[in-house]
């Protein structure tokens, strides 16, 4: 898989991250809030690692 294809997929992940942030704004999440927060942390870690591995040109 070429780097541009990976970059395209990462952009899709960034868009889905925004959906998780909107989900956190819902007052009735209950314990699901913990899972959403964990997912956001993991996505952020992956995005940081991607940026370190494939710096923007």
N, C-alpha and C. Protein backbone atom coordinates (compact mmCIF):
# COMPACT_ATOMS: atom_id res chain seq x y z
N UNK A 1 0.86 -1.17 0.00
CA UNK A 1 0.00 0.00 0.00
C UNK A 1 0.91 1.23 0.00
N UNK A 2 0.62 2.15 -0.86
CA UNK A 2 1.46 3.34 -0.93
C UNK A 2 1.08 4.34 0.15
N UNK A 3 2.01 5.26 0.42
CA UNK A 3 1.83 6.21 1.51
C UNK A 3 0.59 7.07 1.30
N UNK A 4 0.30 7.47 0.07
CA UNK A 4 -0.88 8.32 -0.16
C UNK A 4 -2.17 7.58 0.20
N UNK A 5 -2.23 6.31 -0.09
CA UNK A 5 -3.42 5.54 0.28
C UNK A 5 -3.57 5.48 1.79
N UNK A 6 -2.46 5.35 2.49
CA UNK A 6 -2.49 5.34 3.96
C UNK A 6 -2.94 6.71 4.46
N UNK A 7 -2.41 7.78 3.86
CA UNK A 7 -2.81 9.13 4.26
C UNK A 7 -4.32 9.33 4.08
N UNK A 8 -4.87 8.80 2.99
CA UNK A 8 -6.31 8.92 2.74
C UNK A 8 -7.11 8.22 3.83
N UNK A 9 -6.64 7.06 4.24
CA UNK A 9 -7.33 6.33 5.30
C UNK A 9 -7.24 7.07 6.63
N UNK A 10 -6.08 7.66 6.88
CA UNK A 10 -5.91 8.43 8.12
C UNK A 10 -6.86 9.62 8.14
N UNK A 11 -7.06 10.25 7.00
CA UNK A 11 -8.02 11.36 6.93
C UNK A 11 -9.43 10.88 7.29
N UNK A 12 -9.77 9.67 6.85
CA UNK A 12 -11.07 9.09 7.21
C UNK A 12 -11.19 8.86 8.70
N UNK A 13 -10.11 8.43 9.32
CA UNK A 13 -10.09 8.22 10.77
C UNK A 13 -10.27 9.55 11.49
N UNK A 14 -9.62 10.59 10.99
CA UNK A 14 -9.76 11.91 11.60
C UNK A 14 -11.22 12.37 11.55
N UNK A 15 -11.89 12.11 10.45
CA UNK A 15 -13.30 12.49 10.33
C UNK A 15 -14.17 11.72 11.33
N UNK A 16 -13.87 10.45 11.51
CA UNK A 16 -14.63 9.64 12.47
C UNK A 16 -14.35 10.07 13.90
N UNK A 17 -13.15 10.58 14.14
CA UNK A 17 -12.80 11.08 15.46
C UNK A 17 -13.76 12.21 15.85
N UNK A 18 -14.09 13.06 14.89
CA UNK A 18 -15.01 14.16 15.16
C UNK A 18 -16.38 13.64 15.59
N UNK A 19 -16.80 12.53 15.03
CA UNK A 19 -18.08 11.93 15.43
C UNK A 19 -18.03 11.48 16.89
N UNK A 20 -16.90 10.96 17.32
CA UNK A 20 -16.76 10.56 18.73
C UNK A 20 -16.82 11.77 19.65
N UNK A 21 -16.23 12.87 19.22
CA UNK A 21 -16.27 14.08 20.03
C UNK A 21 -17.71 14.57 20.17
N UNK A 22 -18.47 14.52 19.07
CA UNK A 22 -19.89 14.91 19.15
C UNK A 22 -20.66 13.97 20.07
N UNK A 23 -20.31 12.70 20.04
CA UNK A 23 -20.96 11.73 20.91
C UNK A 23 -20.72 12.07 22.38
N UNK A 24 -19.53 12.54 22.71
CA UNK A 24 -19.23 12.91 24.09
C UNK A 24 -20.11 14.03 24.60
N UNK A 25 -20.64 14.82 23.69
CA UNK A 25 -21.50 15.94 24.09
C UNK A 25 -22.89 15.47 24.53
N UNK A 26 -23.22 14.21 24.28
CA UNK A 26 -24.53 13.68 24.66
C UNK A 26 -24.57 13.45 26.16
N UNK A 27 -25.60 13.94 26.82
CA UNK A 27 -25.66 13.84 28.28
C UNK A 27 -26.01 12.44 28.81
N UNK A 28 -26.54 11.58 27.96
CA UNK A 28 -27.05 10.28 28.44
C UNK A 28 -26.13 9.11 28.09
N UNK A 29 -24.83 9.33 28.02
CA UNK A 29 -23.91 8.25 27.64
C UNK A 29 -23.68 7.23 28.74
N UNK A 30 -23.76 7.65 29.97
CA UNK A 30 -23.51 6.73 31.07
C UNK A 30 -22.09 6.19 31.02
N UNK A 31 -21.95 4.88 31.23
CA UNK A 31 -20.62 4.26 31.26
C UNK A 31 -19.99 4.17 29.87
N UNK A 32 -20.77 4.36 28.83
CA UNK A 32 -20.22 4.36 27.47
C UNK A 32 -19.22 5.51 27.29
N UNK A 33 -19.35 6.54 28.10
CA UNK A 33 -18.43 7.68 28.04
C UNK A 33 -16.98 7.22 28.23
N UNK A 34 -16.77 6.26 29.11
CA UNK A 34 -15.42 5.72 29.35
C UNK A 34 -14.86 5.11 28.07
N UNK A 35 -15.67 4.33 27.36
CA UNK A 35 -15.23 3.69 26.13
C UNK A 35 -14.95 4.71 25.03
N UNK A 36 -15.77 5.74 24.94
CA UNK A 36 -15.58 6.77 23.94
C UNK A 36 -14.28 7.53 24.22
N UNK A 37 -14.05 7.86 25.48
CA UNK A 37 -12.81 8.53 25.85
C UNK A 37 -11.60 7.67 25.52
N UNK A 38 -11.68 6.39 25.80
CA UNK A 38 -10.58 5.47 25.50
C UNK A 38 -10.33 5.41 23.99
N UNK A 39 -11.39 5.34 23.21
CA UNK A 39 -11.26 5.31 21.75
C UNK A 39 -10.59 6.58 21.25
N UNK A 40 -10.96 7.72 21.79
CA UNK A 40 -10.34 8.99 21.39
C UNK A 40 -8.86 9.01 21.73
N UNK A 41 -8.51 8.52 22.91
CA UNK A 41 -7.10 8.48 23.30
C UNK A 41 -6.30 7.59 22.35
N UNK A 42 -6.85 6.45 22.00
CA UNK A 42 -6.14 5.53 21.11
C UNK A 42 -6.01 6.11 19.70
N UNK A 43 -7.06 6.74 19.22
CA UNK A 43 -6.98 7.39 17.90
C UNK A 43 -5.92 8.48 17.92
N UNK A 44 -5.91 9.29 18.97
CA UNK A 44 -4.92 10.36 19.07
C UNK A 44 -3.50 9.80 19.08
N UNK A 45 -3.30 8.71 19.82
CA UNK A 45 -1.97 8.07 19.85
C UNK A 45 -1.57 7.58 18.46
N UNK A 46 -2.50 6.95 17.76
CA UNK A 46 -2.20 6.44 16.42
C UNK A 46 -1.90 7.58 15.44
N UNK A 47 -2.66 8.67 15.55
CA UNK A 47 -2.42 9.81 14.66
C UNK A 47 -1.05 10.44 14.93
N UNK A 48 -0.68 10.54 16.19
CA UNK A 48 0.64 11.08 16.53
C UNK A 48 1.75 10.18 15.99
N UNK A 49 1.58 8.88 16.16
CA UNK A 49 2.58 7.94 15.66
C UNK A 49 2.68 8.00 14.14
N UNK A 50 1.55 8.13 13.47
CA UNK A 50 1.56 8.24 12.01
C UNK A 50 2.32 9.49 11.58
N UNK A 51 2.05 10.61 12.26
CA UNK A 51 2.73 11.87 11.91
C UNK A 51 4.24 11.78 12.14
N UNK A 52 4.65 11.05 13.16
CA UNK A 52 6.09 10.87 13.40
C UNK A 52 6.71 9.97 12.33
N UNK A 53 5.98 8.95 11.93
CA UNK A 53 6.50 7.99 10.95
C UNK A 53 6.49 8.56 9.55
N UNK A 54 5.42 9.28 9.20
CA UNK A 54 5.27 9.86 7.86
C UNK A 54 5.03 11.37 7.99
N UNK A 55 6.08 12.14 8.28
CA UNK A 55 5.89 13.58 8.43
C UNK A 55 5.32 14.20 7.15
N UNK A 56 4.55 15.26 7.34
CA UNK A 56 3.97 15.96 6.18
C UNK A 56 5.09 16.50 5.29
N UNK A 57 4.88 16.41 4.03
CA UNK A 57 5.92 16.84 3.10
C UNK A 57 5.78 18.28 2.72
